[in-house]
Amino acid sequence: MKRKTGNRMLTTGLVLAMTAGMLAGCGNSAPAAVTDNASADTEALAETSETAAVQETAKTDNGEVPTLIWWTVGGTPADDFDQAISEISDYAEEKIGVRIDVKIAGWADYDTKMNNIVNTGEYFDLMFVNNTNYSKFVNLNALENITDLVQSETPDLYGFIPQELWDGVKIHNNVYAVPTYKDSSMTQFWMLDDTYVQKYNIDVEGIKDFATLNDALQTIKEGEGKSVYPMKLAQGSTFNGFFNGYDDLAGGVSAIGVWYEDEERKVVSLLEQDDVKEKLNWLHKWYQDGIINPDANVVTDGGKQSIFGSAQGWPAAATTWAFNNGIDKYDLTQVFGPMYATGTIQGSMNAISANSKYKAEALKVLELMNTDSKFRDMCAYGTEGNYMEYSEDGTVQKLRDDWNWPSYTQGTFFILSTQTDGDPDAWEQVKKQNETAVSSTCLGFALDITDIQNEVANCNMVWDKYKNDMLTGASDPETAVPACIEELKAAGLDKVIEEAQRQIDEFFAK
């Protein structure tokens, strides 16, 4: 396989829109001053009238304010999560005349739960989707085509998100979800608890691959003893970013991809690639050496305070990663990216049910999420005075670490307040990564699985059977990989690869 350097992507429109987003978020700590009392009264009256009109429009047939059911993914909610959502809904009702009922599926349960909801026809209004299920749900006619509706009902939302992102979520040339405008290119970081970095004098920046990571992990393990597992993994929280470098073609097929620099765009079976096999061997070695917790493949929560972590993001995100994991400080090393692909854009989206009774209202919720800083902060950090509070400079101080509705699933980062103990340049870092991202050679392509739905579903069932054992190191690659490949081929993997290759060749021949 040829691996040539990809072209760098020029994202002028994206950068300009990011700048606008950051400027829009600068003044969210206090309203602008109004010096003319008459003008203030007029504006207040107009705002009251507008709010009343919105609320009246959104009311259900029996005159009640509608409550929209929003399914998403995250950790186990705190006991007072529903109360916090009720407070957030009070604000949404005031601004756009609707309420929200946020339902969180656990990290390990998300795929199964969303599939069950769609397959059984369970009612919902909004759903977080990503590149593992988006095209599948579109082809099952479960998601609403919002191509025209998003422009007519929520022009501010449509105008705020760059056209590149709208293009990146198109299927059959239509839009079925609102992309989350954030770190739309992907950059992978590994991190180590600074306590152990200092204790064992580890050169974190020198860690760039599994071999150099192994040296650090073995040093920590030898020093800390049998009872300490430097890498804590679990079902649904396996080794993050394991298949980095392979464009997943945004088709929701886990076992295939194209090397992001391959200008021939050859679709391959990932488990048959030498670099993937080597990394699987490392994981298994770490599992055997006691670096990975022995119950990683069976527990749904690996627990906090993992010495090692892997995440996609930007340098300033380390503060949040550390806080959420109960660590004082993580030291980072960048190991991949930034890389821009259709799948990175489709990594976080929110779609509207084709059966929703409140399609326009659902879009207005997403517009509020992407244009209203106060609403955005509440959803990202939790309610003020309980989960967080504002510092004098308008930054956010988190009071608790159990707000488990992940910010990346919700909406843009560029109107979101930064954290008091975080880096004020966080969004500039994201902007820089997007500006310098290397484009996958398959950028713009999304696999249409219409003619291979059964094969894709069967292949994903096989992968789901093996993935937790493989990506936690619990299974021996010498036996597990051949067995998985055999089952994948029996499930139709070769047909999926053949169809994907045909579509790619046709797409880029234009």
Protein backbone atom coordinates (compact mmCIF):
# COMPACT_ATOMS: atom_id res chain seq x y z
CA MET A 1 0.00 0.00 0.00
CA LYS A 2 1.31 3.42 -0.92
CA ARG A 3 1.30 5.95 1.88
CA LYS A 4 1.90 9.40 0.52
CA THR A 5 1.63 12.72 2.24
CA GLY A 6 -1.92 14.08 1.98
CA ASN A 7 -2.74 17.62 0.90
CA ARG A 8 -3.30 20.16 3.58
CA MET A 9 -6.81 21.50 3.68
CA LEU A 10 -7.54 25.20 3.43
CA THR A 11 -10.59 25.96 5.52
CA THR A 12 -11.10 29.69 5.16
CA GLY A 13 -14.87 29.52 5.62
CA LEU A 14 -14.43 27.26 8.62
CA VAL A 15 -11.92 29.58 10.24
CA LEU A 16 -14.08 32.65 9.69
CA ALA A 17 -17.11 30.95 11.18
CA MET A 18 -15.03 29.77 14.14
CA THR A 19 -13.88 33.31 14.78
CA ALA A 20 -17.46 34.51 14.73
CA GLY A 21 -18.41 31.75 17.15
CA MET A 22 -15.69 32.72 19.57
CA LEU A 23 -16.65 36.39 19.42
CA ALA A 24 -20.27 35.48 20.06
CA GLY A 25 -19.23 33.68 23.23
CA CYS A 26 -17.05 36.43 24.66
CA GLY A 27 -19.77 38.42 26.36
CA ASN A 28 -21.84 35.71 27.94
CA SER A 29 -20.97 36.61 31.51
CA ALA A 30 -23.01 39.81 31.50
CA PRO A 31 -25.56 41.49 29.21
CA ALA A 32 -24.57 44.51 27.18
CA ALA A 33 -25.34 47.84 28.85
CA VAL A 34 -28.34 49.87 27.62
CA THR A 35 -27.96 53.59 28.27
CA ASP A 36 -31.36 54.73 27.00
CA ASN A 37 -34.26 53.78 29.30
CA ALA A 38 -36.89 54.12 26.58
CA SER A 39 -34.81 51.95 24.29
CA ALA A 40 -34.43 49.39 27.07
CA ASP A 41 -38.19 49.30 27.65
CA THR A 42 -38.85 48.87 23.95
CA GLU A 43 -36.35 46.03 23.68
CA ALA A 44 -37.76 44.32 26.77
CA LEU A 45 -41.31 44.59 25.42
CA ALA A 46 -40.24 43.21 22.05
CA GLU A 47 -38.41 40.32 23.69
CA THR A 48 -41.42 39.51 25.89
CA SER A 49 -43.75 39.55 22.89
CA GLU A 50 -41.38 37.38 20.87
CA THR A 51 -41.07 34.85 23.71
CA ALA A 52 -44.83 34.70 24.16
CA ALA A 53 -45.32 34.15 20.44
CA VAL A 54 -42.78 31.33 20.40
CA GLN A 55 -44.36 29.65 23.40
CA GLU A 56 -47.84 29.91 21.86
CA THR A 57 -46.60 28.41 18.60
CA ALA A 58 -44.93 25.49 20.36
CA LYS A 59 -47.86 24.51 22.57
CA THR A 60 -49.42 21.11 22.06
CA ASP A 61 -53.01 20.55 21.00
CA ASN A 62 -54.18 20.56 24.64
CA GLY A 63 -52.41 23.85 25.32
CA GLU A 64 -49.46 22.40 27.23
CA VAL A 65 -45.84 23.21 26.49
CA PRO A 66 -44.33 20.21 24.65
CA THR A 67 -41.52 18.20 26.21
CA LEU A 68 -39.05 16.81 23.68
CA ILE A 69 -37.42 13.45 24.39
CA TRP A 70 -33.68 13.61 23.69
CA TRP A 71 -31.65 10.39 23.76
CA THR A 72 -27.88 10.67 24.11
CA VAL A 73 -24.84 8.89 25.55
CA GLY A 74 -22.85 9.43 28.73
CA GLY A 75 -22.04 8.20 32.21
CA THR A 76 -24.46 7.30 34.97
CA PRO A 77 -26.46 10.45 35.82
CA ALA A 78 -26.40 11.84 39.34
CA ASP A 79 -29.50 11.51 41.52
CA ASP A 80 -30.44 15.14 40.92
CA PHE A 81 -29.85 15.04 37.15
CA ASP A 82 -33.57 15.18 36.31
CA GLN A 83 -33.99 18.19 38.60
CA ALA A 84 -31.14 19.95 36.82
CA ILE A 85 -32.69 19.16 33.43
CA SER A 86 -35.96 20.60 34.73
CA GLU A 87 -34.16 23.87 35.54
CA ILE A 88 -32.53 23.87 32.10
CA SER A 89 -35.98 23.26 30.61
CA ASP A 90 -37.33 26.30 32.46
CA TYR A 91 -34.85 28.41 30.50
CA ALA A 92 -35.65 26.65 27.22
CA GLU A 93 -39.35 27.19 27.80
CA GLU A 94 -38.75 30.87 28.46
CA LYS A 95 -36.68 31.30 25.30
CA ILE A 96 -38.35 29.01 22.75
CA GLY A 97 -41.46 27.56 24.40
CA VAL A 98 -40.39 23.93 24.79
CA ARG A 99 -38.98 21.63 27.45
CA ILE A 100 -36.52 18.75 27.12
CA ASP A 101 -36.35 15.32 28.71
CA VAL A 102 -32.74 14.15 28.38
CA LYS A 103 -32.26 10.40 28.58
CA ILE A 104 -28.71 9.05 28.80
CA ALA A 105 -27.65 5.60 27.64
CA GLY A 106 -24.44 4.35 29.23
CA TRP A 107 -21.23 4.18 27.22
CA ALA A 108 -21.41 0.40 26.97
CA ASP A 109 -25.16 0.36 26.29
CA TYR A 110 -25.48 3.17 23.78
CA ASP A 111 -25.19 1.17 20.55
CA THR A 112 -27.63 -1.49 21.67
CA LYS A 113 -30.08 0.98 23.19
CA MET A 114 -30.23 3.24 20.14
CA ASN A 115 -30.66 0.23 17.86
CA ASN A 116 -33.52 -1.03 20.01
CA ILE A 117 -35.22 2.37 20.03
CA VAL A 118 -35.05 2.63 16.25
CA ASN A 119 -35.97 -0.99 15.56
CA THR A 120 -38.96 -1.03 17.92
CA GLY A 121 -40.24 2.38 16.86
CA GLU A 122 -39.99 3.79 20.39
CA TYR A 123 -40.90 7.47 20.34
CA PHE A 124 -38.20 10.11 20.56
CA ASP A 125 -37.68 13.62 19.21
CA LEU A 126 -33.91 14.08 19.25
CA MET A 127 -31.06 11.57 19.23
CA PHE A 128 -27.29 11.87 19.41
CA VAL A 129 -25.87 9.90 16.48
CA ASN A 130 -22.39 9.38 15.12
CA ASN A 131 -20.57 7.65 12.31
CA THR A 132 -21.32 4.21 13.76
CA ASN A 133 -25.09 4.45 13.31
CA TYR A 134 -25.98 7.56 11.30
CA SER A 135 -26.14 6.08 7.82
CA LYS A 136 -27.81 2.94 9.16
CA PHE A 137 -30.61 4.90 10.80
CA VAL A 138 -31.03 7.06 7.69
CA ASN A 139 -31.44 3.96 5.56
CA LEU A 140 -34.00 2.63 8.05
CA ASN A 141 -36.00 5.85 7.49
CA ALA A 142 -35.74 6.61 11.22
CA LEU A 143 -34.33 10.15 10.84
CA GLU A 144 -35.99 13.21 9.36
CA ASN A 145 -34.64 14.82 6.20
CA ILE A 146 -33.96 18.36 7.46
CA THR A 147 -32.26 19.72 4.32
CA ASP A 148 -34.88 22.39 3.76
CA LEU A 149 -36.36 22.59 7.26
CA VAL A 150 -33.11 23.63 8.95
CA GLN A 151 -32.84 26.59 6.58
CA SER A 152 -36.46 27.71 6.79
CA GLU A 153 -37.07 27.17 10.52
CA THR A 154 -33.64 27.86 12.03
CA PRO A 155 -31.67 30.15 9.70
CA ASP A 156 -29.36 31.27 12.51
CA LEU A 157 -28.37 27.67 13.16
CA TYR A 158 -27.83 26.97 9.49
CA GLY A 159 -25.78 30.13 9.02
CA PHE A 160 -23.60 29.53 12.07
CA ILE A 161 -22.36 26.07 11.10
CA PRO A 162 -19.87 26.13 8.19
CA GLN A 163 -20.97 24.71 4.85
CA GLU A 164 -18.11 22.19 4.98
CA LEU A 165 -19.77 20.54 7.95
CA TRP A 166 -23.22 20.48 6.35
CA ASP A 167 -21.64 18.84 3.31
CA GLY A 168 -19.91 16.35 5.60
CA VAL A 169 -23.19 15.02 7.01
CA LYS A 170 -24.98 14.61 3.70
CA ILE A 171 -26.34 11.21 2.72
CA HIS A 172 -27.96 10.81 -0.72
CA ASN A 173 -27.22 14.55 -1.00
CA ASN A 174 -29.59 15.29 1.90
CA VAL A 175 -29.00 16.38 5.51
CA TYR A 176 -30.43 14.19 8.28
CA ALA A 177 -28.59 15.56 11.31
CA VAL A 178 -27.10 18.74 12.72
CA PRO A 179 -23.29 18.41 13.00
CA THR A 180 -21.66 19.44 16.25
CA TYR A 181 -19.43 22.37 15.34
CA LYS A 182 -16.31 21.83 17.42
CA ASP A 183 -12.99 20.02 16.87
CA SER A 184 -14.17 18.77 13.50
CA SER A 185 -10.72 17.53 12.64
CA MET A 186 -9.35 14.75 14.82
CA THR A 187 -6.21 14.89 16.96
CA GLN A 188 -5.25 12.04 19.28
CA PHE A 189 -3.50 12.55 22.60
CA TRP A 190 -2.08 10.13 25.13
CA MET A 191 -1.72 11.25 28.73
CA LEU A 192 -0.01 10.20 31.93
CA ASP A 193 -0.70 11.24 35.51
CA ASP A 194 1.89 13.92 36.32
CA THR A 195 2.46 12.38 39.76
CA TYR A 196 4.00 9.29 38.17
CA VAL A 197 5.71 11.26 35.43
CA GLN A 198 7.65 13.16 38.09
CA LYS A 199 8.18 10.13 40.30
CA TYR A 200 9.74 8.05 37.51
CA ASN A 201 11.20 10.89 35.41
CA ILE A 202 9.24 9.91 32.29
CA ASP A 203 9.74 11.82 29.04
CA VAL A 204 6.07 12.10 28.01
CA GLU A 205 6.73 14.06 24.82
CA GLY A 206 9.02 11.26 23.68
CA ILE A 207 6.13 8.79 23.70
CA LYS A 208 4.84 8.54 20.14
CA ASP A 209 3.94 4.89 19.55
CA PHE A 210 3.04 1.69 21.38
CA ALA A 211 6.68 0.68 21.83
CA THR A 212 7.69 3.90 23.59
CA LEU A 213 4.43 3.87 25.56
CA ASN A 214 5.28 0.36 26.71
CA ASP A 215 8.54 1.58 28.25
CA ALA A 216 6.69 4.14 30.36
CA LEU A 217 3.91 1.77 31.40
CA GLN A 218 6.34 -0.98 32.38
CA THR A 219 8.36 1.48 34.47
CA ILE A 220 5.25 2.55 36.38
CA LYS A 221 4.03 -1.02 36.82
CA GLU A 222 7.35 -2.23 38.15
CA GLY A 223 7.53 0.67 40.59
CA GLU A 224 3.94 0.51 41.85
CA GLY A 225 3.43 -3.23 42.12
CA LYS A 226 0.74 -5.80 41.34
CA SER A 227 -2.22 -3.91 42.79
CA VAL A 228 -1.85 -0.91 40.46
CA TYR A 229 -3.15 -1.04 36.88
CA PRO A 230 -1.80 1.95 34.93
CA MET A 231 -4.36 1.54 32.12
CA LYS A 232 -8.01 1.16 33.16
CA LEU A 233 -10.31 -0.01 30.38
CA ALA A 234 -13.89 -1.29 30.18
CA GLN A 235 -16.64 -2.28 27.79
CA GLY A 236 -17.55 0.81 25.82
CA SER A 237 -14.35 2.44 27.09
CA THR A 238 -11.74 0.39 25.24
CA PHE A 239 -8.48 1.83 23.90
CA ASN A 240 -9.59 5.16 22.41
CA GLY A 241 -8.39 5.92 18.88
CA PHE A 242 -7.11 2.42 18.23
CA PHE A 243 -7.78 2.56 14.47
CA ASN A 244 -6.41 6.08 13.97
CA GLY A 245 -4.99 6.51 10.51
CA TYR A 246 -7.77 4.63 8.78
CA ASP A 247 -10.66 6.57 7.29
CA ASP A 248 -13.79 4.66 8.34
CA LEU A 249 -15.71 5.98 5.29
CA ALA A 250 -18.54 7.24 7.53
CA GLY A 251 -20.57 4.14 6.78
CA GLY A 252 -20.86 2.63 10.23
CA VAL A 253 -18.81 -0.43 9.24
CA SER A 254 -16.31 -1.13 11.99
CA ALA A 255 -14.00 -3.62 10.30
CA ILE A 256 -12.95 -1.77 7.13
CA GLY A 257 -11.18 1.44 6.19
CA VAL A 258 -8.75 3.27 3.92
CA TRP A 259 -5.34 4.49 5.13
CA TYR A 260 -5.79 8.24 5.26
CA GLU A 261 -2.74 8.97 3.05
CA ASP A 262 -3.37 6.25 0.48
CA GLU A 263 -3.94 8.06 -2.80
CA GLU A 264 -5.06 4.79 -4.38
CA ARG A 265 -7.84 4.67 -1.77
CA LYS A 266 -7.74 0.92 -1.31
CA VAL A 267 -10.40 -0.42 1.06
CA VAL A 268 -8.92 -2.99 3.45
CA SER A 269 -9.94 -5.35 6.21
CA LEU A 270 -8.48 -3.64 9.28
CA LEU A 271 -7.73 -6.79 11.26
CA GLU A 272 -5.56 -8.05 8.41
CA GLN A 273 -3.24 -5.02 8.48
CA ASP A 274 0.21 -5.50 10.01
CA ASP A 275 0.13 -2.29 12.05
CA VAL A 276 -3.24 -3.20 13.56
CA LYS A 277 -2.04 -6.71 14.42
CA GLU A 278 1.04 -5.27 16.11
CA LYS A 279 -1.04 -2.95 18.28
CA LEU A 280 -3.39 -5.79 19.25
CA ASN A 281 -0.34 -7.76 20.37
CA TRP A 282 0.76 -4.83 22.55
CA LEU A 283 -2.67 -4.64 24.18
CA HIS A 284 -2.63 -8.35 24.95
CA LYS A 285 0.88 -8.09 26.40
CA TRP A 286 -0.24 -5.23 28.68
CA TYR A 287 -3.24 -7.26 29.77
CA GLN A 288 -1.02 -10.21 30.63
CA ASP A 289 1.51 -7.97 32.39
CA GLY A 290 -1.14 -6.48 34.66
CA ILE A 291 -0.91 -3.04 33.11
CA ILE A 292 -4.57 -3.28 32.05
CA ASN A 293 -7.14 -4.21 34.72
CA PRO A 294 -8.03 -7.93 34.52
CA ASP A 295 -11.80 -7.29 34.40
CA ALA A 296 -11.56 -4.75 31.55
CA ASN A 297 -13.53 -6.86 29.08
CA VAL A 298 -16.46 -7.53 31.44
CA VAL A 299 -17.02 -4.36 33.46
CA THR A 300 -18.94 -1.42 32.01
CA ASP A 301 -17.03 1.19 34.00
CA GLY A 302 -13.28 1.05 34.45
CA GLY A 303 -13.40 3.51 37.32
CA LYS A 304 -11.53 6.76 37.77
CA GLN A 305 -7.90 7.72 38.41
CA SER A 306 -6.42 5.87 35.47
CA ILE A 307 -2.73 6.71 35.26
CA PHE A 308 -2.82 6.47 31.45
CA GLY A 309 -5.51 7.85 29.17
CA SER A 310 -6.16 8.25 25.45
CA ALA A 311 -8.51 10.86 24.04
CA GLN A 312 -9.29 12.94 21.00
CA GLY A 313 -9.27 16.67 21.62
CA TRP A 314 -6.83 19.54 22.07
CA PRO A 315 -4.18 20.42 24.71
CA ALA A 316 -6.42 22.51 26.97
CA ALA A 317 -8.89 19.62 27.24
CA ALA A 318 -6.40 17.92 29.57
CA THR A 319 -7.81 19.94 32.45
CA THR A 320 -11.27 18.48 31.93
CA TRP A 321 -9.93 14.97 31.34
CA ALA A 322 -7.98 15.14 34.59
CA PHE A 323 -10.88 16.60 36.58
CA ASN A 324 -13.36 14.02 35.31
CA ASN A 325 -10.94 11.24 36.12
CA GLY A 326 -10.04 12.44 39.59
CA ILE A 327 -6.45 13.29 38.59
CA ASP A 328 -4.71 16.53 39.61
CA LYS A 329 -2.84 16.89 36.31
CA TYR A 330 -2.28 14.96 33.11
CA ASP A 331 0.81 15.43 30.93
CA LEU A 332 0.08 15.06 27.21
CA THR A 333 1.74 13.89 24.05
CA GLN A 334 0.18 14.25 20.61
CA VAL A 335 0.34 10.93 18.77
CA PHE A 336 -1.82 11.45 15.69
CA GLY A 337 -3.37 14.21 13.59
CA PRO A 338 -4.88 16.59 13.17
CA MET A 339 -6.73 14.78 10.39
CA TYR A 340 -9.92 15.82 8.63
CA ALA A 341 -12.31 13.19 7.26
CA THR A 342 -16.01 12.78 6.68
CA GLY A 343 -16.06 10.52 9.71
CA THR A 344 -14.50 13.15 11.98
CA ILE A 345 -17.32 15.52 11.04
CA GLN A 346 -19.84 12.76 11.65
CA GLY A 347 -18.32 11.89 15.02
CA SER A 348 -20.97 13.97 16.78
CA MET A 349 -24.39 14.92 15.44
CA ASN A 350 -27.95 15.28 16.65
CA ALA A 351 -30.80 14.01 14.53
CA ILE A 352 -34.57 14.39 14.64
CA SER A 353 -36.89 11.43 14.58
CA ALA A 354 -38.92 10.97 11.40
CA ASN A 355 -41.84 10.28 13.75
CA SER A 356 -41.37 13.33 15.97
CA LYS A 357 -44.44 15.48 16.45
CA TYR A 358 -42.21 18.50 17.01
CA LYS A 359 -39.64 18.59 14.24
CA ALA A 360 -39.43 22.38 13.99
CA GLU A 361 -39.29 22.69 17.77
CA ALA A 362 -36.48 20.12 17.92
CA LEU A 363 -34.46 22.21 15.48
CA LYS A 364 -35.09 25.28 17.61
CA VAL A 365 -33.64 23.43 20.61
CA LEU A 366 -30.49 22.73 18.59
CA GLU A 367 -30.42 26.33 17.42
CA LEU A 368 -30.61 27.49 21.04
CA MET A 369 -27.80 25.10 21.93
CA ASN A 370 -25.59 26.58 19.23
CA THR A 371 -26.42 30.27 19.62
CA ASP A 372 -27.28 30.92 23.29
CA SER A 373 -24.25 30.93 25.62
CA LYS A 374 -26.23 30.58 28.85
CA PHE A 375 -28.15 27.56 27.62
CA ARG A 376 -24.95 26.09 26.21
CA ASP A 377 -23.11 26.45 29.53
CA MET A 378 -25.92 24.86 31.53
CA CYS A 379 -26.06 21.85 29.26
CA ALA A 380 -22.28 21.46 29.16
CA TYR A 381 -21.44 22.00 32.84
CA GLY A 382 -24.71 21.56 34.75
CA THR A 383 -26.85 24.11 36.55
CA GLU A 384 -25.38 27.17 38.20
CA GLY A 385 -24.99 26.99 41.96
CA ASN A 386 -25.16 23.21 41.98
CA TYR A 387 -22.79 21.79 39.39
CA MET A 388 -20.90 24.97 38.54
CA GLU A 389 -20.56 28.66 39.26
CA TYR A 390 -19.23 31.64 37.33
CA SER A 391 -16.05 33.40 38.40
CA GLU A 392 -15.78 37.18 38.22
CA ASP A 393 -14.13 37.00 34.82
CA GLY A 394 -17.02 34.96 33.38
CA THR A 395 -15.19 31.64 33.35
CA VAL A 396 -16.76 28.52 34.81
CA GLN A 397 -15.71 26.86 38.05
CA LYS A 398 -16.96 23.28 38.28
CA LEU A 399 -18.30 22.39 41.71
CA ARG A 400 -18.84 18.69 41.03
CA ASP A 401 -17.48 16.03 38.72
CA ASP A 402 -20.68 14.02 38.17
CA TRP A 403 -22.34 15.97 35.34
CA ASN A 404 -22.47 13.12 32.85
CA TRP A 405 -24.08 14.67 29.77
CA PRO A 406 -20.93 15.03 27.62
CA SER A 407 -20.43 18.47 26.12
CA TYR A 408 -19.11 17.12 22.83
CA THR A 409 -22.47 15.49 22.09
CA GLN A 410 -24.49 18.68 22.47
CA GLY A 411 -23.41 21.60 20.31
CA THR A 412 -20.69 24.04 19.36
CA PHE A 413 -17.70 24.77 21.57
CA PHE A 414 -17.28 28.29 20.26
CA ILE A 415 -19.89 29.98 22.46
CA LEU A 416 -19.00 27.85 25.48
CA SER A 417 -17.39 29.51 28.50
CA THR A 418 -13.92 28.24 29.33
CA GLN A 419 -13.13 26.88 32.78
CA THR A 420 -11.51 29.04 35.44
CA ASP A 421 -8.57 26.71 35.91
CA GLY A 422 -8.38 25.90 32.20
CA ASP A 423 -6.57 27.45 29.28
CA PRO A 424 -8.28 30.63 28.00
CA ASP A 425 -6.84 29.83 24.57
CA ALA A 426 -8.66 26.51 24.36
CA TRP A 427 -10.81 27.39 21.37
CA GLU A 428 -7.84 28.96 19.62
CA GLN A 429 -6.13 25.60 19.94
CA VAL A 430 -9.10 23.90 18.30
CA LYS A 431 -9.08 26.52 15.56
CA LYS A 432 -5.38 25.95 14.90
CA GLN A 433 -5.84 22.19 14.69
CA ASN A 434 -8.61 22.56 12.13
CA GLU A 435 -6.52 25.03 10.14
CA THR A 436 -3.52 22.70 9.98
CA ALA A 437 -5.40 19.40 9.57
CA VAL A 438 -4.22 16.97 6.92
CA SER A 439 -7.09 15.80 4.73
CA SER A 440 -7.86 12.15 4.30
CA THR A 441 -7.69 11.16 0.64
CA CYS A 442 -11.32 10.04 1.05
CA LEU A 443 -12.55 13.35 2.47
CA GLY A 444 -16.09 14.05 1.28
CA PHE A 445 -16.97 10.41 0.67
CA ALA A 446 -19.57 8.62 2.78
CA LEU A 447 -20.38 4.98 2.17
CA ASP A 448 -23.95 4.26 1.07
CA ILE A 449 -24.92 0.92 2.65
CA THR A 450 -28.33 0.65 0.98
CA ASP A 451 -27.38 -2.41 -1.09
CA ILE A 452 -25.29 -4.06 1.63
CA GLN A 453 -27.39 -3.43 4.73
CA ASN A 454 -27.65 -7.08 5.70
CA GLU A 455 -23.92 -7.69 5.25
CA VAL A 456 -23.04 -4.56 7.21
CA ALA A 457 -25.40 -5.51 10.03
CA ASN A 458 -24.00 -9.04 10.14
CA CYS A 459 -20.39 -7.84 10.09
CA ASN A 460 -21.06 -5.38 12.90
CA MET A 461 -22.66 -8.16 14.96
CA VAL A 462 -19.50 -10.21 14.56
CA TRP A 463 -17.27 -7.25 15.47
CA ASP A 464 -19.42 -6.47 18.52
CA LYS A 465 -18.87 -10.05 19.65
CA TYR A 466 -15.07 -9.68 19.59
CA LYS A 467 -14.29 -6.00 20.09
CA ASN A 468 -14.40 -5.74 23.91
CA ASP A 469 -12.03 -8.66 24.31
CA MET A 470 -9.69 -7.48 21.54
CA LEU A 471 -9.54 -3.79 22.42
CA THR A 472 -8.95 -4.41 26.11
CA GLY A 473 -6.22 -6.95 25.44
CA ALA A 474 -8.15 -9.79 27.06
CA SER A 475 -8.07 -12.05 24.00
CA ASP A 476 -4.99 -13.51 22.35
CA PRO A 477 -4.71 -12.02 18.84
CA GLU A 478 -3.07 -15.22 17.58
CA THR A 479 -6.39 -17.02 17.93
CA ALA A 480 -8.98 -14.25 18.19
CA VAL A 481 -8.05 -12.38 15.01
CA PRO A 482 -8.24 -15.36 12.64
CA ALA A 483 -11.51 -16.46 14.24
CA CYS A 484 -13.00 -12.99 13.91
CA ILE A 485 -11.86 -12.61 10.30
CA GLU A 486 -13.36 -16.00 9.41
CA GLU A 487 -16.72 -14.98 10.90
CA LEU A 488 -16.56 -11.56 9.25
CA LYS A 489 -16.02 -13.13 5.85
CA ALA A 490 -18.88 -15.53 6.46
CA ALA A 491 -21.02 -12.51 7.35
CA GLY A 492 -20.25 -10.82 4.02
CA LEU A 493 -17.11 -8.74 4.67
CA ASP A 494 -15.72 -9.29 1.18
CA LYS A 495 -18.95 -8.07 -0.39
CA VAL A 496 -18.89 -4.95 1.83
CA ILE A 497 -15.29 -4.20 0.84
CA GLU A 498 -16.06 -4.76 -2.85
CA GLU A 499 -19.06 -2.42 -2.75
CA ALA A 500 -17.14 0.23 -0.78
CA GLN A 501 -14.32 0.10 -3.31
CA ARG A 502 -16.75 0.40 -6.20
CA GLN A 503 -18.39 3.48 -4.67
CA ILE A 504 -15.06 5.15 -3.87
CA ASP A 505 -13.71 4.57 -7.37
CA GLU A 506 -16.89 5.97 -8.88
CA PHE A 507 -17.03 8.95 -6.48
CA PHE A 508 -13.47 10.12 -7.14
CA ALA A 509 -13.63 9.46 -10.88
CA LYS A 510 -16.03 12.38 -11.25
